[in-house]
Amino acid sequence: MSEESWGFAAPPFRPDEALQRLRRELREMGLLEREGRFERRGVQIARLEIAADALRAEVVRRPSRSSPEWSARTLNSGADVRDFAADLKRKLAQWSDTDD
């Protein structure tokens, strides 16, 4: 059966609440927050901002001190936020392995 047949709807997406939750998760991953940017060892890794009714999240393709290339995503739901956090956690683990 579909969700509509039970009368349940997903809660409305609140970008301000999602931003706070995601900021907390990124800090738990070991990233340091500075002015909306998240860094590891002085290298920018991610940027977050509220854009209309969504979150705009950017992540570097590869960590670089000089000129990082950014990959942007728009997060419109709680599932998008969870996927973004899981993907970033996986990338951080890969980058840590190549740094060692």
C-alpha atoms as a PDB file:
ATOM      1  CA  MET A   1       0.000   0.000   0.000  1.00  0.00           C
ATOM      2  CA  SER A   2       1.152   3.539  -0.625  1.00  0.00           C
ATOM      3  CA  GLU A   3       1.615   6.247   1.999  1.00  0.00           C
ATOM      4  CA  GLU A   4      -1.452   8.119   0.701  1.00  0.00           C
ATOM      5  CA  SER A   5      -3.745   5.198   1.436  1.00  0.00           C
ATOM      6  CA  TRP A   6      -2.856   5.358   5.134  1.00  0.00           C
ATOM      7  CA  GLY A   7      -3.247   9.139   5.325  1.00  0.00           C
ATOM      8  CA  PHE A   8       0.350   9.719   6.431  1.00  0.00           C
ATOM      9  CA  ALA A   9       2.455  12.508   4.998  1.00  0.00           C
ATOM     10  CA  ALA A  10       6.103  13.263   5.540  1.00  0.00           C
ATOM     11  CA  PRO A  11       6.671  16.173   7.912  1.00  0.00           C
ATOM     12  CA  PRO A  12       7.431  19.456   6.163  1.00  0.00           C
ATOM     13  CA  PHE A  13      11.117  20.091   5.494  1.00  0.00           C
ATOM     14  CA  ARG A  14      12.497  22.828   7.708  1.00  0.00           C
ATOM     15  CA  PRO A  15      15.852  23.991   6.323  1.00  0.00           C
ATOM     16  CA  ASP A  16      16.820  25.875   9.494  1.00  0.00           C
ATOM     17  CA  GLU A  17      16.384  22.761  11.652  1.00  0.00           C
ATOM     18  CA  ALA A  18      18.104  20.583   9.052  1.00  0.00           C
ATOM     19  CA  LEU A  19      21.039  23.027   8.945  1.00  0.00           C
ATOM     20  CA  GLN A  20      21.500  22.829  12.723  1.00  0.00           C
ATOM     21  CA  ARG A  21      21.348  19.030  12.657  1.00  0.00           C
ATOM     22  CA  LEU A  22      23.802  18.801   9.748  1.00  0.00           C
ATOM     23  CA  ARG A  23      26.214  21.270  11.368  1.00  0.00           C
ATOM     24  CA  ARG A  24      26.235  19.069  14.483  1.00  0.00           C
ATOM     25  CA  GLU A  25      26.886  15.941  12.394  1.00  0.00           C
ATOM     26  CA  LEU A  26      29.781  17.552  10.516  1.00  0.00           C
ATOM     27  CA  ARG A  27      31.394  18.633  13.788  1.00  0.00           C
ATOM     28  CA  GLU A  28      31.018  15.055  15.047  1.00  0.00           C
ATOM     29  CA  MET A  29      32.892  13.932  11.915  1.00  0.00           C
ATOM     30  CA  GLY A  30      35.838  16.004  13.118  1.00  0.00           C
ATOM     31  CA  LEU A  31      35.332  19.069  10.944  1.00  0.00           C
ATOM     32  CA  LEU A  32      35.898  22.541  12.354  1.00  0.00           C
ATOM     33  CA  GLU A  33      33.284  25.176  11.511  1.00  0.00           C
ATOM     34  CA  ARG A  34      34.384  28.675  10.474  1.00  0.00           C
ATOM     35  CA  GLU A  35      31.886  31.172   9.046  1.00  0.00           C
ATOM     36  CA  GLY A  36      29.649  28.571   7.403  1.00  0.00           C
ATOM     37  CA  ARG A  37      32.600  26.559   6.077  1.00  0.00           C
ATOM     38  CA  PHE A  38      33.782  23.268   7.483  1.00  0.00           C
ATOM     39  CA  GLU A  39      37.487  22.459   7.479  1.00  0.00           C
ATOM     40  CA  ARG A  40      39.817  19.615   8.300  1.00  0.00           C
ATOM     41  CA  ARG A  41      43.465  20.419   8.995  1.00  0.00           C
ATOM     42  CA  GLY A  42      42.982  23.930   7.602  1.00  0.00           C
ATOM     43  CA  VAL A  43      41.551  22.695   4.290  1.00  0.00           C
ATOM     44  CA  GLN A  44      37.972  23.577   3.341  1.00  0.00           C
ATOM     45  CA  ILE A  45      35.789  20.499   2.944  1.00  0.00           C
ATOM     46  CA  ALA A  46      32.155  21.662   2.954  1.00  0.00           C
ATOM     47  CA  ARG A  47      29.936  24.762   2.890  1.00  0.00           C
ATOM     48  CA  LEU A  48      26.284  24.985   3.947  1.00  0.00           C
ATOM     49  CA  GLU A  49      23.652  27.685   3.556  1.00  0.00           C
ATOM     50  CA  ILE A  50      19.891  28.054   3.539  1.00  0.00           C
ATOM     51  CA  ALA A  51      18.548  28.752   0.049  1.00  0.00           C
ATOM     52  CA  ALA A  52      14.790  29.431  -0.103  1.00  0.00           C
ATOM     53  CA  ASP A  53      13.015  26.304   1.194  1.00  0.00           C
ATOM     54  CA  ALA A  54      16.068  24.067   0.952  1.00  0.00           C
ATOM     55  CA  LEU A  55      19.693  23.727   1.984  1.00  0.00           C
ATOM     56  CA  ARG A  56      22.525  24.335  -0.437  1.00  0.00           C
ATOM     57  CA  ALA A  57      25.433  22.049   0.400  1.00  0.00           C
ATOM     58  CA  GLU A  58      28.787  22.079  -1.328  1.00  0.00           C
ATOM     59  CA  VAL A  59      31.621  19.625  -0.921  1.00  0.00           C
ATOM     60  CA  VAL A  60      35.095  19.635  -2.452  1.00  0.00           C
ATOM     61  CA  ARG A  61      35.884  17.046  -5.091  1.00  0.00           C
ATOM     62  CA  ARG A  62      39.362  16.611  -3.567  1.00  0.00           C
ATOM     63  CA  PRO A  63      40.817  18.487  -0.580  1.00  0.00           C
ATOM     64  CA  SER A  64      43.078  21.289  -1.792  1.00  0.00           C
ATOM     65  CA  ARG A  65      44.576  24.304  -0.052  1.00  0.00           C
ATOM     66  CA  SER A  66      45.015  26.374  -3.220  1.00  0.00           C
ATOM     67  CA  SER A  67      41.847  26.237  -5.328  1.00  0.00           C
ATOM     68  CA  PRO A  68      39.331  23.524  -4.443  1.00  0.00           C
ATOM     69  CA  GLU A  69      36.705  22.437  -6.958  1.00  0.00           C
ATOM     70  CA  TRP A  70      33.230  22.427  -5.415  1.00  0.00           C
ATOM     71  CA  SER A  71      30.355  20.069  -6.097  1.00  0.00           C
ATOM     72  CA  ALA A  72      26.961  21.544  -5.094  1.00  0.00           C
ATOM     73  CA  ARG A  73      23.757  19.794  -4.068  1.00  0.00           C
ATOM     74  CA  THR A  74      20.350  21.075  -3.054  1.00  0.00           C
ATOM     75  CA  LEU A  75      18.903  19.256  -0.060  1.00  0.00           C
ATOM     76  CA  ASN A  76      15.092  19.328  -0.067  1.00  0.00           C
ATOM     77  CA  SER A  77      14.236  16.651   2.495  1.00  0.00           C
ATOM     78  CA  GLY A  78      15.471  14.839   5.543  1.00  0.00           C
ATOM     79  CA  ALA A  79      16.469  11.925   3.320  1.00  0.00           C
ATOM     80  CA  ASP A  80      18.638  14.248   1.186  1.00  0.00           C
ATOM     81  CA  VAL A  81      20.346  15.536   4.345  1.00  0.00           C
ATOM     82  CA  ARG A  82      21.037  11.984   5.584  1.00  0.00           C
ATOM     83  CA  ASP A  83      22.391  10.951   2.168  1.00  0.00           C
ATOM     84  CA  PHE A  84      24.652  14.018   2.035  1.00  0.00           C
ATOM     85  CA  ALA A  85      26.030  13.307   5.524  1.00  0.00           C
ATOM     86  CA  ALA A  86      26.622   9.615   4.746  1.00  0.00           C
ATOM     87  CA  ASP A  87      28.333  10.471   1.438  1.00  0.00           C
ATOM     88  CA  LEU A  88      30.580  13.053   3.111  1.00  0.00           C
ATOM     89  CA  LYS A  89      31.496  10.607   5.880  1.00  0.00           C
ATOM     90  CA  ARG A  90      32.494   8.043   3.248  1.00  0.00           C
ATOM     91  CA  LYS A  91      34.599  10.625   1.373  1.00  0.00           C
ATOM     92  CA  LEU A  92      36.336  11.731   4.571  1.00  0.00           C
ATOM     93  CA  ALA A  93      37.264   8.117   5.293  1.00  0.00           C
ATOM     94  CA  GLN A  94      38.656   7.688   1.753  1.00  0.00           C
ATOM     95  CA  TRP A  95      40.639  10.920   1.974  1.00  0.00           C
ATOM     96  CA  SER A  96      42.048   9.904   5.375  1.00  0.00           C
ATOM     97  CA  ASP A  97      43.209   6.581   3.911  1.00  0.00           C
ATOM     98  CA  THR A  98      45.049   8.322   1.056  1.00  0.00           C
ATOM     99  CA  ASP A  99      46.594  10.891   3.430  1.00  0.00           C
ATOM    100  CA  ASP A 100      48.189   8.210   5.624  1.00  0.00           C
END
